[in-house]
Protein backbone atom coordinates (compact mmCIF):
# COMPACT_ATOMS: atom_id res chain seq x y z
CA UNK A 1 -0.04 -2.85 -12.20
CA UNK A 2 2.71 -0.41 -12.82
CA UNK A 3 5.06 1.19 -10.51
CA UNK A 4 5.74 4.88 -10.38
CA UNK A 5 9.22 6.26 -9.30
CA UNK A 6 9.79 10.06 -8.66
CA UNK A 7 13.41 11.38 -7.42
CA UNK A 8 13.31 14.67 -6.92
CA UNK A 9 15.89 17.05 -5.60
CA UNK A 10 14.84 15.94 -2.16
CA UNK A 11 13.37 12.70 -2.04
CA UNK A 12 11.63 9.82 -3.90
CA UNK A 13 7.95 9.34 -4.40
CA UNK A 14 6.48 5.86 -5.25
CA UNK A 15 3.54 4.87 -6.68
CA UNK A 16 1.87 1.65 -6.75
CA UNK A 17 -1.18 2.08 -9.90
CA UNK A 18 -3.39 -0.35 -10.82
CA UNK A 19 -5.12 1.07 -14.21
CA UNK A 20 -5.78 4.94 -12.95
CA UNK A 21 -5.89 4.44 -9.43
CA UNK A 22 -3.08 4.87 -6.81
CA UNK A 23 -3.22 1.35 -4.68
CA UNK A 24 -0.56 2.69 -2.58
CA UNK A 25 2.45 5.21 -2.58
CA UNK A 26 5.10 6.38 -0.10
CA UNK A 27 8.30 8.41 -0.23
CA UNK A 28 11.86 7.78 1.41
CA UNK A 29 15.24 8.81 1.45
CA UNK A 30 17.38 8.26 -2.28
CA UNK A 31 19.94 6.51 -0.24
CA UNK A 32 17.20 3.09 0.41
CA UNK A 33 15.85 3.97 -3.08
CA UNK A 34 17.06 -0.18 -4.47
CA UNK A 35 15.99 -1.91 -1.07
CA UNK A 36 12.14 -0.31 -1.10
CA UNK A 37 11.82 -0.99 -4.61
CA UNK A 38 12.97 -4.74 -3.62
CA UNK A 39 10.16 -4.39 -0.99
CA UNK A 40 7.19 -3.33 -3.08
CA UNK A 41 8.51 -5.75 -6.26
CA UNK A 42 7.54 -8.73 -3.13
CA UNK A 43 4.25 -7.66 -2.23
CA UNK A 44 3.04 -6.08 -5.22
CA UNK A 45 2.35 -7.88 -9.23
CA UNK A 46 4.45 -4.74 -11.31
CA UNK A 47 4.45 -5.04 -15.05
CA UNK A 48 5.98 -1.84 -16.01
CA UNK A 49 7.60 0.95 -14.21
CA UNK A 50 8.95 4.03 -15.08
CA UNK A 51 10.92 6.61 -13.71
CA UNK A 52 11.53 10.08 -13.61
CA UNK A 53 15.25 11.57 -12.39
CA UNK A 54 15.43 15.31 -11.65
CA UNK A 55 18.36 14.68 -9.27
CA UNK A 56 22.10 12.94 -9.50
CA UNK A 57 20.62 9.58 -8.48
CA UNK A 58 23.87 7.34 -10.36
CA UNK A 59 23.59 5.64 -13.71
CA UNK A 60 25.11 2.31 -11.55
CA UNK A 61 21.58 2.79 -9.69
CA UNK A 62 19.37 3.29 -12.36
CA UNK A 63 20.60 0.18 -14.10
CA UNK A 64 20.05 -1.80 -11.42
CA UNK A 65 16.74 -0.95 -11.51
CA UNK A 66 16.54 -1.76 -14.96
CA UNK A 67 17.41 -5.35 -13.93
CA UNK A 68 14.67 -5.55 -11.22
CA UNK A 69 11.91 -4.56 -13.40
CA UNK A 70 10.81 -3.39 -17.23
CA UNK A 71 11.36 -0.07 -16.57
CA UNK A 72 10.35 3.10 -19.03
CA UNK A 73 13.08 6.18 -18.32
CA UNK A 74 11.32 9.17 -19.01
CA UNK A 75 13.44 11.56 -21.14
CA UNK A 76 13.28 14.13 -23.94
CA UNK A 77 12.32 11.71 -26.46
CA UNK A 78 9.75 10.44 -24.77
CA UNK A 79 6.55 10.21 -26.57
CA UNK A 80 4.11 12.83 -24.54
CA UNK A 81 0.19 13.29 -25.78
CA UNK A 82 0.87 16.82 -26.58
CA UNK A 83 2.50 19.44 -28.88
CA UNK A 84 5.85 20.99 -27.37
CA UNK A 85 6.27 24.37 -28.49
CA UNK A 86 9.08 25.03 -25.59
CA UNK A 87 11.44 26.75 -27.79
CA UNK A 88 13.85 25.02 -26.03
CA UNK A 89 12.83 21.54 -25.16
CA UNK A 90 15.79 19.65 -24.59
CA UNK A 91 16.18 21.79 -21.67
CA UNK A 92 12.79 20.89 -20.29
CA UNK A 93 12.66 19.02 -16.66
CA UNK A 94 10.99 15.86 -17.08
CA UNK A 95 9.01 16.46 -13.88
CA UNK A 96 7.50 19.39 -15.83
CA UNK A 97 6.58 17.14 -19.07
CA UNK A 98 4.70 14.46 -16.57
CA UNK A 99 2.52 17.44 -15.47
CA UNK A 100 1.60 18.55 -18.31
CA UNK A 101 0.50 14.77 -19.59
CA UNK A 102 -1.45 14.68 -16.66
CA UNK A 103 -3.08 17.58 -17.16
CA UNK A 104 -3.83 16.94 -21.16
CA UNK A 105 -5.51 13.35 -19.82
CA UNK A 106 -7.27 14.59 -16.87
CA UNK A 107 -8.57 17.84 -18.54
CA UNK A 108 -9.45 17.34 -22.05
CA UNK A 109 -10.12 19.89 -24.73
CA UNK A 110 -8.87 22.64 -21.36
CA UNK A 111 -6.56 25.43 -20.75
CA UNK A 112 -4.53 24.39 -17.81
CA UNK A 113 -2.09 26.01 -15.47
CA UNK A 114 -0.36 23.68 -13.71
CA UNK A 115 1.23 24.89 -10.71
CA UNK A 116 4.09 22.32 -8.75
CA UNK A 117 4.56 23.57 -5.30
CA UNK A 118 8.23 21.65 -4.86
CA UNK A 119 11.89 22.52 -4.06
CA UNK A 120 11.09 25.18 -6.75
CA UNK A 121 7.57 26.15 -7.54
CA UNK A 122 7.25 26.14 -11.49
CA UNK A 123 4.13 27.24 -13.71
CA UNK A 124 3.45 24.98 -16.97
CA UNK A 125 0.65 25.70 -19.11
CA UNK A 126 -0.77 23.91 -21.75
CA UNK A 127 -3.46 24.85 -23.96
CA UNK A 128 -6.84 23.47 -25.08
CA UNK A 129 -5.38 22.39 -28.49
CA UNK A 130 -2.75 20.14 -26.24
CA UNK A 131 0.23 22.91 -26.93
CA UNK A 132 2.67 22.99 -24.30
CA UNK A 133 3.29 26.95 -24.45
CA UNK A 134 5.99 27.39 -21.61
CA UNK A 135 5.54 29.13 -17.88
CA UNK A 136 8.11 29.93 -15.34
CA UNK A 137 9.93 28.30 -12.48
CA UNK A 138 10.36 30.26 -9.35
CA UNK A 139 12.29 29.67 -5.55
CA UNK A 140 10.40 27.06 -3.43
CA UNK A 141 9.09 27.98 0.39
CA UNK A 142 12.08 26.39 1.54
CA UNK A 143 14.84 27.71 -0.82
CA UNK A 144 13.43 31.07 0.50
CA UNK A 145 13.62 30.45 4.26
CA UNK A 146 16.90 28.86 3.69
CA UNK A 147 18.46 31.65 1.70
CA UNK A 148 17.04 34.67 3.73
CA UNK A 149 19.23 32.52 6.57
CA UNK A 150 22.41 31.54 4.11
CA UNK A 151 23.08 34.99 2.64
CA UNK A 152 22.48 37.21 5.78
CA UNK A 153 24.63 37.88 8.71
CA UNK A 154 21.92 37.95 11.95
CA UNK A 155 18.11 36.40 10.07
CA UNK A 156 17.18 33.48 11.46
CA UNK A 157 15.79 29.88 9.79
CA UNK A 158 12.78 30.02 10.42
CA UNK A 159 9.66 27.06 9.91
CA UNK A 160 6.63 28.10 7.46
CA UNK A 161 3.37 29.13 9.46
CA UNK A 162 -0.30 29.66 7.71
CA UNK A 163 -0.57 33.22 7.59
CA UNK A 164 -3.03 34.92 10.19
CA UNK A 165 -2.19 38.64 9.63
CA UNK A 166 0.50 39.62 6.74
CA UNK A 167 1.81 42.78 8.69
CA UNK A 168 5.21 40.51 10.97
CA UNK A 169 5.31 41.85 14.70
CA UNK A 170 8.96 40.93 15.24
CA UNK A 171 11.54 39.29 13.09
CA UNK A 172 9.85 35.88 13.10
CA UNK A 173 6.80 37.00 11.96
CA UNK A 174 8.33 39.17 9.22
CA UNK A 175 10.38 36.75 7.58
CA UNK A 176 7.04 34.08 7.71
CA UNK A 177 5.00 36.73 5.80
CA UNK A 178 7.42 37.92 3.28
CA UNK A 179 8.26 34.35 2.28
CA UNK A 180 4.61 32.62 2.26
CA UNK A 181 2.56 35.76 2.15
CA UNK A 182 4.98 36.53 -1.01
CA UNK A 183 4.31 32.99 -2.43
CA UNK A 184 0.48 33.53 -2.17
CA UNK A 185 0.50 36.83 -3.49
CA UNK A 186 2.83 35.90 -6.45
CA UNK A 187 0.43 32.79 -7.39
CA UNK A 188 -2.41 34.97 -7.48
CA UNK A 189 -1.14 37.04 -9.10
CA UNK A 190 0.14 34.58 -11.77
CA UNK A 191 -2.87 32.77 -12.27
CA UNK A 192 -4.72 36.41 -12.62
CA UNK A 193 -2.18 36.97 -15.82
CA UNK A 194 -3.58 33.58 -17.16
CA UNK A 195 -6.94 34.68 -16.25
CA UNK A 196 -7.02 37.85 -18.34
CA UNK A 197 -5.36 35.90 -21.00
CA UNK A 198 -7.10 32.66 -21.09
CA UNK A 199 -10.57 33.44 -19.69
CA UNK A 200 -11.76 29.39 -19.09
CA UNK A 201 -8.35 28.35 -17.19
CA UNK A 202 -8.47 25.35 -14.96
CA UNK A 203 -5.92 25.65 -12.17
CA UNK A 204 -4.01 22.54 -11.05
CA UNK A 205 -1.48 22.63 -7.21
CA UNK A 206 0.10 20.26 -6.78
CA UNK A 207 3.39 19.43 -5.05
CA UNK A 208 4.81 18.89 -1.61
CA UNK A 209 3.57 22.47 -0.50
CA UNK A 210 -0.03 22.06 -1.42
CA UNK A 211 -1.77 20.99 1.24
CA UNK A 212 -0.63 24.26 3.15
CA UNK A 213 -0.96 26.42 -0.08
CA UNK A 214 -4.34 25.27 -0.73
CA UNK A 215 -6.13 26.19 2.26
CA UNK A 216 -5.11 30.04 2.02
CA UNK A 217 -5.57 30.83 -1.71
CA UNK A 218 -8.62 32.30 -2.97
CA UNK A 219 -8.35 31.67 -5.93
CA UNK A 220 -10.30 28.33 -7.49
CA UNK A 221 -7.82 25.27 -8.24
CA UNK A 222 -8.00 21.60 -7.88
CA UNK A 223 -5.60 20.71 -5.98
CA UNK A 224 -3.81 16.93 -5.74
CA UNK A 225 -0.85 16.14 -4.58
CA UNK A 226 -0.28 13.31 -6.39
CA UNK A 227 -0.69 14.78 -9.97
CA UNK A 228 3.25 14.12 -10.91
CA UNK A 229 2.98 10.55 -10.06
CA UNK A 230 -0.57 10.63 -12.28
CA UNK A 231 1.13 12.11 -15.35
CA UNK A 232 3.89 9.39 -14.97
CA UNK A 233 1.33 7.09 -14.65
CA UNK A 234 -0.47 8.33 -18.01
CA UNK A 235 2.93 8.71 -20.01
CA UNK A 236 3.31 4.46 -19.24
CA UNK A 237 0.22 4.17 -20.45
CA UNK A 238 0.39 6.02 -23.36
CA UNK A 239 4.02 4.75 -24.63
CA UNK A 240 2.63 1.20 -23.92
CA UNK A 241 0.14 1.66 -26.45
CA UNK A 242 2.52 2.25 -29.49
């Protein structure tokens, strides 16, 4: 079995894979990383593990993980099954690398746009020739709400709600419309931009706000909240064969 560890900006997501199938998945706070991994190792027979660390988890914790399990740390030098045409490959986040691996392995021969709706919203495009061309990075939903509250004197912090009417009737509704409707229109607009250039386009929506946004988008998409974990598993499988 493979153990997948994704250390994000706000929390840790883990999954146990048997081949390409998820046997177990969970998320928890970064401070209990080691204790939670120990629990998993008592429950499952893990042969290999991979960690994606986009946050500030200490080297000490990573070293402790190495002591617990046969660990691969995904990095800019990790072998991947695509051609990276990003002009600054050294700055490409390991989470985005994993998403692109997921795209080329799950949708071979396709033009794929992966939209990750987490702390940030990222757009990553790989063409049918397995060439990663790049994408975009934008503010995530929670970041937008927090910014409106933090950088103004009187605007309250609002919790996101599905849009029933894009015209806000009061300040809270106006903020919710501005953020949520704004994100929806942004995503739809970006998808349409890519569709005009690449007629045969597959769109994958993933990340923490997948379920919230997928119901409100009009474009045809594949909604998969575990796409990053699956991509990391594919990275591990690809490197085991080398």
